[in-house]
Amino acid sequence: MNKSTLTTTALTILRVIAGFLFAAHGWQKFNEFTLAGTQAAFTQMGVPGASVIAPIVATLELVGGIALIVGLLTRVFAALLTINMLGALFLVHAPAGVFVTNGGYELVLLFAGAALALALAGAGRISADNALFGRPGSKLRVLA
């Protein structure tokens, strides 16, 4: 395999797995925890504006995760998901240390790193972004 093929494969794997996990967390906030439960949990964790932020976060994680899976507006959603995870890290998880078993930040840091990598690298060749915006000379090529 050449470097281009390996890069395409790596970006696709990262995008699909990160997207699936983000979408699963968003789905969980809507269906298992419910929005009211998520708002209450965010309030208890000290998240400012929890009643407004909780539905935004749940929607971003669900819709953004699906967008990552198909590679649609990947850089945009990945950047927003990076900000989301950094917010979770600094507002909630940092005081608990590294390990998730203690409420720590290891998972949100990993999510932030994956999202940031996708925001910087883009979706790769096997993506809706490439199909829609990847033509040479396209004014929106930066999205590909």
C-alpha atoms as a PDB file:
ATOM      1  CA  MET A   1       0.000   0.000   0.000  1.00  0.00           C
ATOM      2  CA  ASN A   2       1.243   3.481  -0.759  1.00  0.00           C
ATOM      3  CA  LYS A   3       1.170   6.373   1.683  1.00  0.00           C
ATOM      4  CA  SER A   4      -1.941   7.912   0.100  1.00  0.00           C
ATOM      5  CA  THR A   5      -3.880   4.661   0.452  1.00  0.00           C
ATOM      6  CA  LEU A   6      -2.732   4.234   4.046  1.00  0.00           C
ATOM      7  CA  THR A   7      -3.713   7.808   4.879  1.00  0.00           C
ATOM      8  CA  THR A   8      -7.136   7.343   3.289  1.00  0.00           C
ATOM      9  CA  THR A   9      -7.633   4.113   5.215  1.00  0.00           C
ATOM     10  CA  ALA A  10      -6.480   5.654   8.506  1.00  0.00           C
ATOM     11  CA  LEU A  11      -8.730   8.718   8.141  1.00  0.00           C
ATOM     12  CA  THR A  12     -11.716   6.559   7.232  1.00  0.00           C
ATOM     13  CA  ILE A  13     -11.195   4.275  10.226  1.00  0.00           C
ATOM     14  CA  LEU A  14     -10.713   7.204  12.609  1.00  0.00           C
ATOM     15  CA  ARG A  15     -13.715   9.059  11.205  1.00  0.00           C
ATOM     16  CA  VAL A  16     -16.094   6.103  11.342  1.00  0.00           C
ATOM     17  CA  ILE A  17     -15.094   4.925  14.829  1.00  0.00           C
ATOM     18  CA  ALA A  18     -15.040   8.421  16.353  1.00  0.00           C
ATOM     19  CA  GLY A  19     -18.302   9.251  14.598  1.00  0.00           C
ATOM     20  CA  PHE A  20     -19.967   6.098  15.870  1.00  0.00           C
ATOM     21  CA  LEU A  21     -18.885   6.791  19.456  1.00  0.00           C
ATOM     22  CA  PHE A  22     -19.915  10.460  19.343  1.00  0.00           C
ATOM     23  CA  ALA A  23     -23.292   9.481  17.863  1.00  0.00           C
ATOM     24  CA  ALA A  24     -23.736   6.806  20.528  1.00  0.00           C
ATOM     25  CA  HIS A  25     -23.096   9.345  23.283  1.00  0.00           C
ATOM     26  CA  GLY A  26     -25.551  11.792  21.715  1.00  0.00           C
ATOM     27  CA  TRP A  27     -28.164   9.040  21.334  1.00  0.00           C
ATOM     28  CA  GLN A  28     -27.621   8.083  24.968  1.00  0.00           C
ATOM     29  CA  LYS A  29     -28.258  11.669  26.092  1.00  0.00           C
ATOM     30  CA  PHE A  30     -31.568  11.721  24.196  1.00  0.00           C
ATOM     31  CA  ASN A  31     -32.829   8.199  24.866  1.00  0.00           C
ATOM     32  CA  GLU A  32     -31.229   6.636  27.930  1.00  0.00           C
ATOM     33  CA  PHE A  33     -30.603   9.671  30.098  1.00  0.00           C
ATOM     34  CA  THR A  34     -33.292  11.856  28.396  1.00  0.00           C
ATOM     35  CA  LEU A  35     -32.712  15.532  27.831  1.00  0.00           C
ATOM     36  CA  ALA A  36     -34.188  16.389  31.213  1.00  0.00           C
ATOM     37  CA  GLY A  37     -31.849  13.898  32.878  1.00  0.00           C
ATOM     38  CA  THR A  38     -28.891  15.225  30.914  1.00  0.00           C
ATOM     39  CA  GLN A  39     -29.774  18.791  31.920  1.00  0.00           C
ATOM     40  CA  ALA A  40     -29.999  17.721  35.567  1.00  0.00           C
ATOM     41  CA  ALA A  41     -26.670  15.877  35.347  1.00  0.00           C
ATOM     42  CA  PHE A  42     -24.986  18.875  33.701  1.00  0.00           C
ATOM     43  CA  THR A  43     -26.393  21.130  36.431  1.00  0.00           C
ATOM     44  CA  GLN A  44     -25.070  18.792  39.134  1.00  0.00           C
ATOM     45  CA  MET A  45     -21.654  18.764  37.423  1.00  0.00           C
ATOM     46  CA  GLY A  46     -21.567  22.569  37.466  1.00  0.00           C
ATOM     47  CA  VAL A  47     -21.885  23.130  33.715  1.00  0.00           C
ATOM     48  CA  PRO A  48     -22.942  26.755  33.188  1.00  0.00           C
ATOM     49  CA  GLY A  49     -26.295  27.152  31.415  1.00  0.00           C
ATOM     50  CA  ALA A  50     -26.949  23.423  31.634  1.00  0.00           C
ATOM     51  CA  SER A  51     -30.575  23.691  30.511  1.00  0.00           C
ATOM     52  CA  VAL A  52     -29.434  25.309  27.239  1.00  0.00           C
ATOM     53  CA  ILE A  53     -26.114  23.493  26.801  1.00  0.00           C
ATOM     54  CA  ALA A  54     -27.398  19.927  27.343  1.00  0.00           C
ATOM     55  CA  PRO A  55     -29.663  19.766  24.264  1.00  0.00           C
ATOM     56  CA  ILE A  56     -26.997  21.504  22.163  1.00  0.00           C
ATOM     57  CA  VAL A  57     -24.362  18.978  23.249  1.00  0.00           C
ATOM     58  CA  ALA A  58     -26.699  16.012  22.737  1.00  0.00           C
ATOM     59  CA  THR A  59     -27.625  17.214  19.247  1.00  0.00           C
ATOM     60  CA  LEU A  60     -24.028  18.037  18.322  1.00  0.00           C
ATOM     61  CA  GLU A  61     -22.814  14.612  19.416  1.00  0.00           C
ATOM     62  CA  LEU A  62     -25.609  12.749  17.596  1.00  0.00           C
ATOM     63  CA  VAL A  63     -25.676  14.785  14.371  1.00  0.00           C
ATOM     64  CA  GLY A  64     -21.942  15.460  14.378  1.00  0.00           C
ATOM     65  CA  GLY A  65     -21.201  11.786  14.931  1.00  0.00           C
ATOM     66  CA  ILE A  66     -23.372  10.778  11.983  1.00  0.00           C
ATOM     67  CA  ALA A  67     -21.751  13.503   9.864  1.00  0.00           C
ATOM     68  CA  LEU A  68     -18.294  12.133  10.741  1.00  0.00           C
ATOM     69  CA  ILE A  69     -19.340   8.610   9.770  1.00  0.00           C
ATOM     70  CA  VAL A  70     -20.350   9.717   6.269  1.00  0.00           C
ATOM     71  CA  GLY A  71     -17.648  12.370   6.078  1.00  0.00           C
ATOM     72  CA  LEU A  72     -19.985  15.339   5.621  1.00  0.00           C
ATOM     73  CA  LEU A  73     -18.729  18.758   6.757  1.00  0.00           C
ATOM     74  CA  THR A  74     -16.126  16.805   8.692  1.00  0.00           C
ATOM     75  CA  ARG A  75     -13.813  19.703   9.499  1.00  0.00           C
ATOM     76  CA  VAL A  76     -16.701  21.814  10.816  1.00  0.00           C
ATOM     77  CA  PHE A  77     -18.272  19.109  12.967  1.00  0.00           C
ATOM     78  CA  ALA A  78     -14.886  17.833  14.146  1.00  0.00           C
ATOM     79  CA  ALA A  79     -13.900  21.341  15.264  1.00  0.00           C
ATOM     80  CA  LEU A  80     -17.195  21.755  17.145  1.00  0.00           C
ATOM     81  CA  LEU A  81     -16.812  18.320  18.742  1.00  0.00           C
ATOM     82  CA  THR A  82     -13.253  19.212  19.789  1.00  0.00           C
ATOM     83  CA  ILE A  83     -14.558  22.322  21.554  1.00  0.00           C
ATOM     84  CA  ASN A  84     -17.318  20.227  23.131  1.00  0.00           C
ATOM     85  CA  MET A  85     -14.821  17.707  24.503  1.00  0.00           C
ATOM     86  CA  LEU A  86     -12.425  20.364  25.755  1.00  0.00           C
ATOM     87  CA  GLY A  87     -15.356  21.972  27.557  1.00  0.00           C
ATOM     88  CA  ALA A  88     -16.170  18.631  29.185  1.00  0.00           C
ATOM     89  CA  LEU A  89     -12.515  18.157  30.096  1.00  0.00           C
ATOM     90  CA  PHE A  90     -12.027  21.557  31.749  1.00  0.00           C
ATOM     91  CA  LEU A  91     -15.511  22.091  33.214  1.00  0.00           C
ATOM     92  CA  VAL A  92     -16.109  18.597  34.569  1.00  0.00           C
ATOM     93  CA  HIS A  93     -13.384  15.965  34.302  1.00  0.00           C
ATOM     94  CA  ALA A  94     -10.007  17.657  34.947  1.00  0.00           C
ATOM     95  CA  PRO A  95     -10.345  17.871  38.746  1.00  0.00           C
ATOM     96  CA  ALA A  96     -10.912  14.098  38.927  1.00  0.00           C
ATOM     97  CA  GLY A  97      -7.553  13.241  37.356  1.00  0.00           C
ATOM     98  CA  VAL A  98      -6.772  11.063  34.372  1.00  0.00           C
ATOM     99  CA  PHE A  99      -8.738   7.865  34.806  1.00  0.00           C
ATOM    100  CA  VAL A 100     -12.372   7.538  33.755  1.00  0.00           C
ATOM    101  CA  THR A 101     -13.065   5.155  36.652  1.00  0.00           C
ATOM    102  CA  ASN A 102     -12.686   8.182  38.929  1.00  0.00           C
ATOM    103  CA  GLY A 103     -14.627  10.502  36.604  1.00  0.00           C
ATOM    104  CA  GLY A 104     -11.381  11.617  34.997  1.00  0.00           C
ATOM    105  CA  TYR A 105     -10.620  13.014  31.584  1.00  0.00           C
ATOM    106  CA  GLU A 106      -9.008  10.134  29.670  1.00  0.00           C
ATOM    107  CA  LEU A 107     -12.038   9.443  27.458  1.00  0.00           C
ATOM    108  CA  VAL A 108     -12.878  13.075  26.677  1.00  0.00           C
ATOM    109  CA  LEU A 109      -9.203  13.796  25.944  1.00  0.00           C
ATOM    110  CA  LEU A 110      -9.091  10.879  23.514  1.00  0.00           C
ATOM    111  CA  PHE A 111     -12.326  12.089  21.869  1.00  0.00           C
ATOM    112  CA  ALA A 112     -10.899  15.628  21.660  1.00  0.00           C
ATOM    113  CA  GLY A 113      -7.695  14.333  20.078  1.00  0.00           C
ATOM    114  CA  ALA A 114      -9.565  12.255  17.498  1.00  0.00           C
ATOM    115  CA  ALA A 115     -11.869  15.147  16.628  1.00  0.00           C
ATOM    116  CA  LEU A 116      -8.968  17.606  16.396  1.00  0.00           C
ATOM    117  CA  ALA A 117      -7.044  15.255  14.094  1.00  0.00           C
ATOM    118  CA  LEU A 118     -10.079  15.088  11.789  1.00  0.00           C
ATOM    119  CA  ALA A 119     -10.570  18.863  11.930  1.00  0.00           C
ATOM    120  CA  LEU A 120      -6.966  19.329  10.821  1.00  0.00           C
ATOM    121  CA  ALA A 121      -6.683  16.492   8.288  1.00  0.00           C
ATOM    122  CA  GLY A 122     -10.200  16.451   6.874  1.00  0.00           C
ATOM    123  CA  ALA A 123     -12.330  13.459   5.974  1.00  0.00           C
ATOM    124  CA  GLY A 124     -10.096  11.851   3.384  1.00  0.00           C
ATOM    125  CA  ARG A 125     -10.879  10.560  -0.096  1.00  0.00           C
ATOM    126  CA  ILE A 126     -13.652   8.154   0.926  1.00  0.00           C
ATOM    127  CA  SER A 127     -16.128  10.760   2.135  1.00  0.00           C
ATOM    128  CA  ALA A 128     -19.092  12.878   1.189  1.00  0.00           C
ATOM    129  CA  ASP A 129     -16.838  15.931   1.588  1.00  0.00           C
ATOM    130  CA  ASN A 130     -14.488  14.692  -1.113  1.00  0.00           C
ATOM    131  CA  ALA A 131     -17.382  13.837  -3.439  1.00  0.00           C
ATOM    132  CA  LEU A 132     -19.040  17.236  -2.912  1.00  0.00           C
ATOM    133  CA  PHE A 133     -16.088  19.594  -2.505  1.00  0.00           C
ATOM    134  CA  GLY A 134     -12.971  17.746  -3.679  1.00  0.00           C
ATOM    135  CA  ARG A 135     -12.923  18.869  -7.319  1.00  0.00           C
ATOM    136  CA  PRO A 136      -9.801  20.769  -8.331  1.00  0.00           C
ATOM    137  CA  GLY A 137     -10.561  24.485  -8.396  1.00  0.00           C
ATOM    138  CA  SER A 138     -13.595  24.171  -6.112  1.00  0.00           C
ATOM    139  CA  LYS A 139     -13.999  27.246  -3.902  1.00  0.00           C
ATOM    140  CA  LEU A 140     -15.092  24.912  -1.077  1.00  0.00           C
ATOM    141  CA  ARG A 141     -12.161  22.502  -1.510  1.00  0.00           C
ATOM    142  CA  VAL A 142     -10.964  23.412   2.009  1.00  0.00           C
ATOM    143  CA  LEU A 143     -13.949  21.384   3.278  1.00  0.00           C
ATOM    144  CA  ALA A 144     -12.776  18.242   1.442  1.00  0.00           C
END
